[in-house]
Amino acid sequence: MPDSVKAPTQFNQLPHAGVLPRLMALIYDILIVAGLWMVYGFFAMMVATTFGGLQCQPEHLDYTPCVGGPLYRFGLLLVTAGYFFWSWRAAGQTIGMRAWRLMVANNNGVQLSWYQCFIRALVGPVSLGVFCLGFLWGYLRADGASWHDLASDSEVRRLPKKKKEKKL
């Protein structure tokens, strides 16, 4: 956790994050994940054509044998989950959450467990996929909790702005 939030009592004193900053942070994270998918796709295509004996036909714009199968899609899922799990477990923040000064932790202010990360990652797409109702649910609650917060017993708080030091 950052220096500004070391003790659980300090985390619990921070204001709850609103729905709009959370969605904006998610947009940032989608861009990061898209970049990770491109890198993964590049390496998957190299491996598939070199070692897999697959014959991609770029002249016909047919890359399906190289990157269209269930194994490739499972890799995309692992890359996406890995990004979020690593971010939540390592610092309590994804890159998008850092930009919007948001932090996720359990209700005691302690970093998420692997189980909480799994539940959060499982319910998060449902919150988003059902016309964003899982996120909009936060407008109905005083703490702004979304479906994946409630399911994973976690909460997202807004971090304070860092104070700039004056130069002499």
N, C-alpha and C. Protein backbone atom coordinates (compact mmCIF):
# COMPACT_ATOMS: atom_id res chain seq x y z
N MET A 1 0.84 -1.18 0.00
CA MET A 1 0.00 0.00 0.00
C MET A 1 0.89 1.24 0.00
N PRO A 2 0.39 2.33 -0.58
CA PRO A 2 1.18 3.55 -0.57
C PRO A 2 1.44 4.06 0.83
N ASP A 3 2.43 4.94 0.96
CA ASP A 3 2.79 5.49 2.26
C ASP A 3 1.63 6.22 2.91
N SER A 4 0.77 6.81 2.10
CA SER A 4 -0.33 7.59 2.67
C SER A 4 -1.39 6.70 3.33
N VAL A 5 -1.38 5.38 3.02
CA VAL A 5 -2.37 4.48 3.59
C VAL A 5 -1.65 3.24 4.11
N LYS A 6 -1.15 3.30 5.31
CA LYS A 6 -0.42 2.16 5.87
C LYS A 6 -1.29 1.36 6.83
N ALA A 7 -1.98 2.00 7.70
CA ALA A 7 -2.76 1.29 8.70
C ALA A 7 -4.20 1.15 8.24
N PRO A 8 -4.86 0.03 8.59
CA PRO A 8 -6.25 -0.17 8.21
C PRO A 8 -7.16 0.94 8.69
N THR A 9 -6.88 1.52 9.86
CA THR A 9 -7.75 2.58 10.36
C THR A 9 -7.69 3.79 9.43
N GLN A 10 -6.52 4.06 8.86
CA GLN A 10 -6.42 5.18 7.93
C GLN A 10 -7.22 4.91 6.67
N PHE A 11 -7.18 3.67 6.17
CA PHE A 11 -7.93 3.33 4.96
C PHE A 11 -9.42 3.52 5.19
N ASN A 12 -9.91 3.09 6.34
CA ASN A 12 -11.33 3.19 6.63
C ASN A 12 -11.80 4.63 6.83
N GLN A 13 -10.87 5.55 7.03
CA GLN A 13 -11.24 6.95 7.18
C GLN A 13 -11.30 7.68 5.84
N LEU A 14 -10.81 7.06 4.79
CA LEU A 14 -10.85 7.69 3.46
C LEU A 14 -12.27 7.65 2.92
N PRO A 15 -12.63 8.62 2.06
CA PRO A 15 -13.98 8.61 1.49
C PRO A 15 -14.15 7.48 0.48
N HIS A 16 -15.37 6.98 0.39
CA HIS A 16 -15.68 5.94 -0.58
C HIS A 16 -15.58 6.53 -1.99
N ALA A 17 -15.15 5.70 -2.92
CA ALA A 17 -15.04 6.14 -4.32
C ALA A 17 -16.41 6.17 -4.96
N GLY A 18 -16.64 7.17 -5.78
CA GLY A 18 -17.89 7.29 -6.50
C GLY A 18 -17.92 6.40 -7.72
N VAL A 19 -19.08 6.31 -8.34
CA VAL A 19 -19.27 5.46 -9.50
C VAL A 19 -18.50 6.00 -10.71
N LEU A 20 -18.57 7.29 -10.97
CA LEU A 20 -17.93 7.86 -12.15
C LEU A 20 -16.41 7.70 -12.14
N PRO A 21 -15.71 8.00 -11.05
CA PRO A 21 -14.25 7.76 -11.06
C PRO A 21 -13.90 6.29 -11.26
N ARG A 22 -14.72 5.41 -10.74
CA ARG A 22 -14.47 3.98 -10.91
C ARG A 22 -14.62 3.57 -12.36
N LEU A 23 -15.63 4.09 -13.02
CA LEU A 23 -15.81 3.77 -14.45
C LEU A 23 -14.71 4.38 -15.30
N MET A 24 -14.26 5.58 -14.94
CA MET A 24 -13.17 6.21 -15.69
C MET A 24 -11.88 5.42 -15.50
N ALA A 25 -11.62 4.94 -14.31
CA ALA A 25 -10.44 4.11 -14.07
C ALA A 25 -10.53 2.82 -14.88
N LEU A 26 -11.74 2.28 -15.01
CA LEU A 26 -11.93 1.07 -15.79
C LEU A 26 -11.61 1.31 -17.27
N ILE A 27 -11.95 2.48 -17.78
CA ILE A 27 -11.61 2.82 -19.17
C ILE A 27 -10.10 2.82 -19.35
N TYR A 28 -9.38 3.40 -18.42
CA TYR A 28 -7.91 3.37 -18.47
C TYR A 28 -7.42 1.92 -18.49
N ASP A 29 -7.98 1.11 -17.61
CA ASP A 29 -7.54 -0.28 -17.51
C ASP A 29 -7.87 -1.08 -18.77
N ILE A 30 -8.97 -0.76 -19.41
CA ILE A 30 -9.31 -1.44 -20.67
C ILE A 30 -8.24 -1.14 -21.72
N LEU A 31 -7.74 0.08 -21.74
CA LEU A 31 -6.67 0.42 -22.69
C LEU A 31 -5.39 -0.35 -22.38
N ILE A 32 -5.07 -0.49 -21.09
CA ILE A 32 -3.89 -1.26 -20.69
C ILE A 32 -4.06 -2.73 -21.08
N VAL A 33 -5.23 -3.28 -20.80
CA VAL A 33 -5.49 -4.69 -21.13
C VAL A 33 -5.44 -4.90 -22.65
N ALA A 34 -5.95 -3.95 -23.42
CA ALA A 34 -5.89 -4.07 -24.88
C ALA A 34 -4.43 -4.14 -25.35
N GLY A 35 -3.58 -3.34 -24.75
CA GLY A 35 -2.15 -3.40 -25.09
C GLY A 35 -1.54 -4.74 -24.71
N LEU A 36 -1.90 -5.26 -23.55
CA LEU A 36 -1.41 -6.56 -23.13
C LEU A 36 -1.89 -7.66 -24.07
N TRP A 37 -3.13 -7.54 -24.55
CA TRP A 37 -3.66 -8.52 -25.50
C TRP A 37 -2.87 -8.48 -26.81
N MET A 38 -2.49 -7.29 -27.23
CA MET A 38 -1.71 -7.18 -28.48
C MET A 38 -0.36 -7.87 -28.33
N VAL A 39 0.30 -7.64 -27.21
CA VAL A 39 1.59 -8.28 -26.96
C VAL A 39 1.41 -9.79 -26.90
N TYR A 40 0.39 -10.24 -26.17
CA TYR A 40 0.10 -11.66 -26.09
C TYR A 40 -0.19 -12.24 -27.47
N GLY A 41 -1.00 -11.55 -28.25
CA GLY A 41 -1.34 -12.02 -29.60
C GLY A 41 -0.12 -12.14 -30.49
N PHE A 42 0.80 -11.19 -30.38
CA PHE A 42 2.04 -11.24 -31.16
C PHE A 42 2.82 -12.50 -30.82
N PHE A 43 3.02 -12.73 -29.52
CA PHE A 43 3.78 -13.91 -29.11
C PHE A 43 3.03 -15.21 -29.40
N ALA A 44 1.71 -15.20 -29.23
CA ALA A 44 0.93 -16.41 -29.52
C ALA A 44 1.02 -16.76 -31.00
N MET A 45 0.97 -15.75 -31.87
CA MET A 45 1.07 -16.01 -33.30
C MET A 45 2.46 -16.53 -33.66
N MET A 46 3.49 -15.96 -33.05
CA MET A 46 4.84 -16.44 -33.32
C MET A 46 5.00 -17.89 -32.89
N VAL A 47 4.53 -18.21 -31.70
CA VAL A 47 4.66 -19.57 -31.20
C VAL A 47 3.82 -20.53 -32.04
N ALA A 48 2.60 -20.13 -32.37
CA ALA A 48 1.72 -21.00 -33.13
C ALA A 48 2.26 -21.30 -34.53
N THR A 49 2.83 -20.32 -35.18
CA THR A 49 3.34 -20.54 -36.53
C THR A 49 4.69 -21.25 -36.51
N THR A 50 5.50 -21.01 -35.50
CA THR A 50 6.84 -21.60 -35.44
C THR A 50 6.80 -23.03 -34.93
N PHE A 51 6.13 -23.27 -33.82
CA PHE A 51 6.17 -24.59 -33.19
C PHE A 51 4.91 -25.41 -33.42
N GLY A 52 3.82 -24.74 -33.69
CA GLY A 52 2.56 -25.46 -33.83
C GLY A 52 2.31 -26.02 -35.21
N GLY A 53 3.10 -25.60 -36.17
CA GLY A 53 2.89 -26.09 -37.52
C GLY A 53 1.64 -25.53 -38.17
N LEU A 54 1.09 -24.49 -37.59
CA LEU A 54 -0.10 -23.90 -38.17
C LEU A 54 0.28 -23.01 -39.35
N GLN A 55 -0.53 -23.04 -40.33
CA GLN A 55 -0.25 -22.25 -41.53
C GLN A 55 -1.20 -21.06 -41.61
N CYS A 56 -0.77 -19.95 -41.03
CA CYS A 56 -1.54 -18.72 -41.15
C CYS A 56 -1.42 -18.23 -42.59
N GLN A 57 -2.46 -17.64 -43.09
CA GLN A 57 -2.44 -17.16 -44.46
C GLN A 57 -2.76 -15.67 -44.48
N PRO A 58 -1.72 -14.84 -44.22
CA PRO A 58 -1.97 -13.40 -44.18
C PRO A 58 -2.45 -12.83 -45.49
N GLU A 59 -2.08 -13.46 -46.60
CA GLU A 59 -2.53 -12.93 -47.90
C GLU A 59 -4.04 -13.05 -48.06
N HIS A 60 -4.66 -13.97 -47.33
CA HIS A 60 -6.12 -14.12 -47.36
C HIS A 60 -6.77 -13.53 -46.11
N LEU A 61 -5.95 -12.88 -45.29
CA LEU A 61 -6.41 -12.30 -44.02
C LEU A 61 -7.09 -13.34 -43.14
N ASP A 62 -6.56 -14.56 -43.17
CA ASP A 62 -7.11 -15.64 -42.37
C ASP A 62 -6.13 -16.03 -41.28
N TYR A 63 -6.30 -15.47 -40.09
CA TYR A 63 -5.44 -15.78 -38.96
C TYR A 63 -6.14 -16.73 -37.99
N THR A 64 -7.30 -17.22 -38.34
CA THR A 64 -8.08 -18.06 -37.45
C THR A 64 -7.32 -19.28 -36.96
N PRO A 65 -6.58 -20.00 -37.82
CA PRO A 65 -5.87 -21.17 -37.28
C PRO A 65 -4.83 -20.79 -36.23
N CYS A 66 -4.32 -19.57 -36.27
CA CYS A 66 -3.27 -19.17 -35.33
C CYS A 66 -3.82 -18.60 -34.04
N VAL A 67 -4.83 -17.79 -34.11
CA VAL A 67 -5.29 -17.07 -32.91
C VAL A 67 -6.79 -17.12 -32.73
N GLY A 68 -7.44 -18.16 -33.18
CA GLY A 68 -8.89 -18.19 -33.04
C GLY A 68 -9.41 -19.30 -32.16
N GLY A 69 -8.54 -20.15 -31.67
CA GLY A 69 -8.99 -21.31 -30.93
C GLY A 69 -9.25 -21.05 -29.47
N PRO A 70 -9.77 -22.07 -28.80
CA PRO A 70 -10.08 -21.94 -27.37
C PRO A 70 -8.83 -21.76 -26.51
N LEU A 71 -7.72 -22.33 -26.91
CA LEU A 71 -6.49 -22.17 -26.15
C LEU A 71 -6.03 -20.71 -26.17
N TYR A 72 -6.15 -20.08 -27.33
CA TYR A 72 -5.79 -18.66 -27.44
C TYR A 72 -6.70 -17.81 -26.57
N ARG A 73 -7.98 -18.09 -26.61
CA ARG A 73 -8.94 -17.32 -25.80
C ARG A 73 -8.71 -17.53 -24.31
N PHE A 74 -8.34 -18.73 -23.94
CA PHE A 74 -8.01 -18.99 -22.54
C PHE A 74 -6.78 -18.18 -22.13
N GLY A 75 -5.82 -18.05 -23.02
CA GLY A 75 -4.64 -17.22 -22.76
C GLY A 75 -5.01 -15.76 -22.57
N LEU A 76 -5.95 -15.27 -23.38
CA LEU A 76 -6.43 -13.88 -23.21
C LEU A 76 -7.06 -13.70 -21.83
N LEU A 77 -7.83 -14.69 -21.41
CA LEU A 77 -8.45 -14.64 -20.09
C LEU A 77 -7.38 -14.62 -19.00
N LEU A 78 -6.35 -15.44 -19.15
CA LEU A 78 -5.28 -15.47 -18.16
C LEU A 78 -4.51 -14.15 -18.12
N VAL A 79 -4.26 -13.56 -19.27
CA VAL A 79 -3.56 -12.27 -19.31
C VAL A 79 -4.38 -11.20 -18.60
N THR A 80 -5.67 -11.16 -18.88
CA THR A 80 -6.55 -10.17 -18.26
C THR A 80 -6.64 -10.38 -16.75
N ALA A 81 -6.90 -11.61 -16.34
CA ALA A 81 -7.00 -11.91 -14.91
C ALA A 81 -5.67 -11.64 -14.22
N GLY A 82 -4.58 -12.00 -14.87
CA GLY A 82 -3.26 -11.77 -14.29
C GLY A 82 -2.99 -10.30 -14.03
N TYR A 83 -3.38 -9.45 -14.97
CA TYR A 83 -3.20 -8.00 -14.79
C TYR A 83 -3.95 -7.51 -13.55
N PHE A 84 -5.22 -7.88 -13.46
CA PHE A 84 -6.02 -7.39 -12.34
C PHE A 84 -5.59 -8.03 -11.02
N PHE A 85 -5.37 -9.33 -11.01
CA PHE A 85 -4.96 -10.00 -9.77
C PHE A 85 -3.65 -9.43 -9.26
N TRP A 86 -2.67 -9.32 -10.14
CA TRP A 86 -1.37 -8.80 -9.73
C TRP A 86 -1.49 -7.37 -9.20
N SER A 87 -2.27 -6.54 -9.88
CA SER A 87 -2.45 -5.15 -9.46
C SER A 87 -3.14 -5.06 -8.10
N TRP A 88 -4.21 -5.82 -7.93
CA TRP A 88 -4.96 -5.76 -6.68
C TRP A 88 -4.16 -6.31 -5.52
N ARG A 89 -3.42 -7.39 -5.76
CA ARG A 89 -2.65 -8.01 -4.68
C ARG A 89 -1.38 -7.23 -4.35
N ALA A 90 -0.70 -6.69 -5.35
CA ALA A 90 0.58 -6.02 -5.13
C ALA A 90 0.42 -4.66 -4.48
N ALA A 91 -0.50 -3.85 -4.99
CA ALA A 91 -0.61 -2.48 -4.51
C ALA A 91 -2.03 -2.04 -4.16
N GLY A 92 -3.01 -2.89 -4.44
CA GLY A 92 -4.40 -2.50 -4.20
C GLY A 92 -4.92 -1.55 -5.26
N GLN A 93 -4.16 -1.40 -6.35
CA GLN A 93 -4.55 -0.47 -7.41
C GLN A 93 -4.11 -0.99 -8.77
N THR A 94 -4.96 -0.80 -9.75
CA THR A 94 -4.55 -1.00 -11.14
C THR A 94 -3.98 0.33 -11.62
N ILE A 95 -3.49 0.36 -12.84
CA ILE A 95 -2.94 1.61 -13.38
C ILE A 95 -4.05 2.67 -13.48
N GLY A 96 -5.23 2.26 -13.91
CA GLY A 96 -6.35 3.20 -13.97
C GLY A 96 -6.75 3.71 -12.61
N MET A 97 -6.69 2.85 -11.61
CA MET A 97 -7.03 3.27 -10.25
C MET A 97 -6.00 4.25 -9.71
N ARG A 98 -4.73 4.07 -10.08
CA ARG A 98 -3.69 5.02 -9.65
C ARG A 98 -3.96 6.39 -10.24
N ALA A 99 -4.34 6.42 -11.51
CA ALA A 99 -4.60 7.70 -12.18
C ALA A 99 -5.75 8.45 -11.51
N TRP A 100 -6.73 7.72 -11.03
CA TRP A 100 -7.90 8.34 -10.41
C TRP A 100 -7.82 8.32 -8.88
N ARG A 101 -6.67 7.94 -8.34
CA ARG A 101 -6.43 7.92 -6.89
C ARG A 101 -7.46 7.06 -6.16
N LEU A 102 -7.63 5.83 -6.64
CA LEU A 102 -8.53 4.88 -6.02
C LEU A 102 -7.73 3.71 -5.48
N MET A 103 -8.24 3.08 -4.44
CA MET A 103 -7.58 1.91 -3.88
C MET A 103 -8.64 0.91 -3.43
N VAL A 104 -8.37 -0.36 -3.67
CA VAL A 104 -9.28 -1.42 -3.24
C VAL A 104 -8.61 -2.23 -2.13
N ALA A 105 -9.40 -2.58 -1.16
CA ALA A 105 -8.95 -3.43 -0.05
C ALA A 105 -10.18 -4.11 0.53
N ASN A 106 -9.94 -5.04 1.45
CA ASN A 106 -11.12 -5.65 2.08
C ASN A 106 -11.71 -4.65 3.07
N ASN A 107 -12.80 -5.01 3.70
CA ASN A 107 -13.50 -4.07 4.58
C ASN A 107 -12.71 -3.68 5.82
N ASN A 108 -11.62 -4.39 6.10
CA ASN A 108 -10.76 -4.05 7.23
C ASN A 108 -9.57 -3.21 6.80
N GLY A 109 -9.47 -2.90 5.52
CA GLY A 109 -8.36 -2.10 5.03
C GLY A 109 -7.12 -2.91 4.69
N VAL A 110 -7.24 -4.23 4.64
CA VAL A 110 -6.11 -5.10 4.33
C VAL A 110 -6.21 -5.53 2.87
N GLN A 111 -5.06 -5.78 2.24
CA GLN A 111 -5.06 -6.15 0.82
C GLN A 111 -5.95 -7.37 0.59
N LEU A 112 -6.46 -7.46 -0.63
CA LEU A 112 -7.37 -8.54 -0.98
C LEU A 112 -6.66 -9.89 -0.97
N SER A 113 -7.39 -10.92 -0.59
CA SER A 113 -6.87 -12.29 -0.68
C SER A 113 -7.04 -12.77 -2.12
N TRP A 114 -6.41 -13.89 -2.45
CA TRP A 114 -6.56 -14.46 -3.79
C TRP A 114 -8.02 -14.80 -4.06
N TYR A 115 -8.71 -15.30 -3.04
CA TYR A 115 -10.13 -15.64 -3.19
C TYR A 115 -10.95 -14.39 -3.50
N GLN A 116 -10.68 -13.30 -2.78
CA GLN A 116 -11.42 -12.06 -3.04
C GLN A 116 -11.13 -11.53 -4.45
N CYS A 117 -9.89 -11.64 -4.89
CA CYS A 117 -9.55 -11.23 -6.25
C CYS A 117 -10.32 -12.06 -7.27
N PHE A 118 -10.40 -13.38 -7.01
CA PHE A 118 -11.12 -14.27 -7.92
C PHE A 118 -12.60 -13.90 -7.99
N ILE A 119 -13.23 -13.71 -6.84
CA ILE A 119 -14.66 -13.36 -6.80
C ILE A 119 -14.88 -12.00 -7.48
N ARG A 120 -14.01 -11.05 -7.20
CA ARG A 120 -14.12 -9.72 -7.79
C ARG A 120 -14.00 -9.79 -9.31
N ALA A 121 -13.05 -10.59 -9.80
CA ALA A 121 -12.86 -10.74 -11.24
C ALA A 121 -14.00 -11.52 -11.89
N LEU A 122 -14.64 -12.39 -11.14
CA LEU A 122 -15.75 -13.17 -11.66
C LEU A 122 -17.03 -12.34 -11.76
N VAL A 123 -17.30 -11.54 -10.74
CA VAL A 123 -18.55 -10.76 -10.68
C VAL A 123 -18.40 -9.43 -11.41
N GLY A 124 -17.18 -8.89 -11.53
CA GLY A 124 -16.96 -7.61 -12.18
C GLY A 124 -17.51 -7.52 -13.60
N PRO A 125 -17.21 -8.50 -14.47
CA PRO A 125 -17.78 -8.45 -15.83
C PRO A 125 -19.30 -8.52 -15.84
N VAL A 126 -19.89 -9.20 -14.87
CA VAL A 126 -21.35 -9.25 -14.78
C VAL A 126 -21.87 -7.87 -14.42
N SER A 127 -21.20 -7.20 -13.48
CA SER A 127 -21.60 -5.83 -13.09
C SER A 127 -21.58 -4.90 -14.29
N LEU A 128 -20.63 -5.08 -15.13
CA LEU A 128 -20.47 -4.24 -16.32
C LEU A 128 -21.39 -4.69 -17.44
N GLY A 129 -21.52 -6.00 -17.61
CA GLY A 129 -22.25 -6.55 -18.75
C GLY A 129 -23.75 -6.41 -18.70
N VAL A 130 -24.30 -6.25 -17.52
CA VAL A 130 -25.76 -6.10 -17.39
C VAL A 130 -26.08 -4.61 -17.41
N PHE A 131 -25.76 -3.99 -18.53
CA PHE A 131 -26.02 -2.56 -18.73
C PHE A 131 -25.43 -1.68 -17.63
N CYS A 132 -24.31 -2.09 -17.09
CA CYS A 132 -23.60 -1.36 -16.02
C CYS A 132 -24.41 -1.28 -14.72
N LEU A 133 -25.42 -2.11 -14.59
CA LEU A 133 -26.25 -2.04 -13.39
C LEU A 133 -25.47 -2.34 -12.12
N GLY A 134 -24.47 -3.20 -12.22
CA GLY A 134 -23.65 -3.51 -11.05
C GLY A 134 -22.88 -2.31 -10.55
N PHE A 135 -22.41 -1.48 -11.47
CA PHE A 135 -21.71 -0.25 -11.08
C PHE A 135 -22.72 0.82 -10.63
N LEU A 136 -23.81 0.96 -11.39
CA LEU A 136 -24.82 1.97 -11.06
C LEU A 136 -25.48 1.69 -9.72
N TRP A 137 -25.40 0.45 -9.27
CA TRP A 137 -25.92 0.07 -7.96
C TRP A 137 -25.30 0.95 -6.87
N GLY A 138 -24.09 1.42 -7.11
CA GLY A 138 -23.40 2.27 -6.15
C GLY A 138 -24.14 3.57 -5.86
N TYR A 139 -24.93 4.04 -6.82
CA TYR A 139 -25.70 5.26 -6.59
C TYR A 139 -26.81 5.05 -5.56
N LEU A 140 -27.22 3.81 -5.37
CA LEU A 140 -28.29 3.50 -4.43
C LEU A 140 -27.79 3.26 -3.01
N ARG A 141 -26.48 3.18 -2.86
CA ARG A 141 -25.88 2.86 -1.56
C ARG A 141 -25.06 4.04 -1.07
N ALA A 142 -25.04 4.23 0.22
CA ALA A 142 -24.26 5.32 0.81
C ALA A 142 -22.76 5.10 0.64
N ASP A 143 -22.33 3.84 0.64
CA ASP A 143 -20.90 3.56 0.50
C ASP A 143 -20.47 3.41 -0.95
N GLY A 144 -21.39 3.50 -1.90
CA GLY A 144 -21.05 3.43 -3.31
C GLY A 144 -20.61 2.05 -3.78
N ALA A 145 -20.90 1.02 -3.01
CA ALA A 145 -20.45 -0.34 -3.33
C ALA A 145 -21.17 -0.89 -4.55
N SER A 146 -20.40 -1.53 -5.42
CA SER A 146 -20.96 -2.19 -6.59
C SER A 146 -21.16 -3.67 -6.27
N TRP A 147 -21.71 -4.40 -7.24
CA TRP A 147 -21.98 -5.82 -7.00
C TRP A 147 -20.71 -6.59 -6.68
N HIS A 148 -19.63 -6.31 -7.42
CA HIS A 148 -18.40 -7.07 -7.18
C HIS A 148 -17.74 -6.68 -5.86
N ASP A 149 -17.98 -5.47 -5.38
CA ASP A 149 -17.50 -5.10 -4.04
C ASP A 149 -18.25 -5.92 -2.98
N LEU A 150 -19.55 -5.99 -3.13
CA LEU A 150 -20.37 -6.71 -2.16
C LEU A 150 -20.06 -8.21 -2.18
N ALA A 151 -19.91 -8.77 -3.37
CA ALA A 151 -19.65 -10.21 -3.49
C ALA A 151 -18.28 -10.59 -2.93
N SER A 152 -17.29 -9.71 -3.12
CA SER A 152 -15.92 -10.03 -2.69
C SER A 152 -15.58 -9.45 -1.32
N ASP A 153 -16.55 -8.84 -0.66
CA ASP A 153 -16.32 -8.25 0.67
C ASP A 153 -15.14 -7.27 0.63
N SER A 154 -15.19 -6.38 -0.36
CA SER A 154 -14.13 -5.38 -0.52
C SER A 154 -14.76 -4.01 -0.73
N GLU A 155 -13.92 -2.99 -0.71
CA GLU A 155 -14.41 -1.64 -0.96
C GLU A 155 -13.33 -0.82 -1.64
N VAL A 156 -13.78 0.17 -2.38
CA VAL A 156 -12.87 1.06 -3.10
C VAL A 156 -12.97 2.43 -2.44
N ARG A 157 -11.81 2.96 -2.08
CA ARG A 157 -11.75 4.27 -1.41
C ARG A 157 -10.97 5.24 -2.28
N ARG A 158 -11.23 6.51 -2.06
CA ARG A 158 -10.55 7.59 -2.79
C ARG A 158 -9.36 8.06 -1.97
N LEU A 159 -8.17 8.04 -2.55
CA LEU A 159 -6.96 8.48 -1.86
C LEU A 159 -6.84 10.00 -1.93
N PRO A 160 -6.24 10.62 -0.94
CA PRO A 160 -6.07 12.09 -0.97
C PRO A 160 -5.00 12.48 -1.99
N LYS A 161 -5.07 13.73 -2.43
CA LYS A 161 -4.05 14.25 -3.33
C LYS A 161 -2.75 14.39 -2.57
N LYS A 162 -1.65 14.13 -3.26
CA LYS A 162 -0.34 14.31 -2.63
C LYS A 162 -0.04 15.80 -2.55
N LYS A 163 0.51 16.19 -1.43
CA LYS A 163 0.86 17.59 -1.25
C LYS A 163 2.20 17.86 -1.92
N LYS A 164 2.23 18.94 -2.66
CA LYS A 164 3.48 19.32 -3.35
C LYS A 164 4.37 20.07 -2.37
N GLU A 165 5.64 19.69 -2.40
CA GLU A 165 6.59 20.38 -1.54
C GLU A 165 7.07 21.64 -2.24
N LYS A 166 7.18 22.71 -1.48
CA LYS A 166 7.64 23.97 -2.06
C LYS A 166 9.15 23.98 -2.13
N LYS A 167 9.63 24.42 -3.28
CA LYS A 167 11.08 24.54 -3.45
C LYS A 167 11.52 25.92 -3.02
N LEU A 168 12.66 25.97 -2.37
CA LEU A 168 13.19 27.27 -1.92
C LEU A 168 14.04 27.91 -2.96
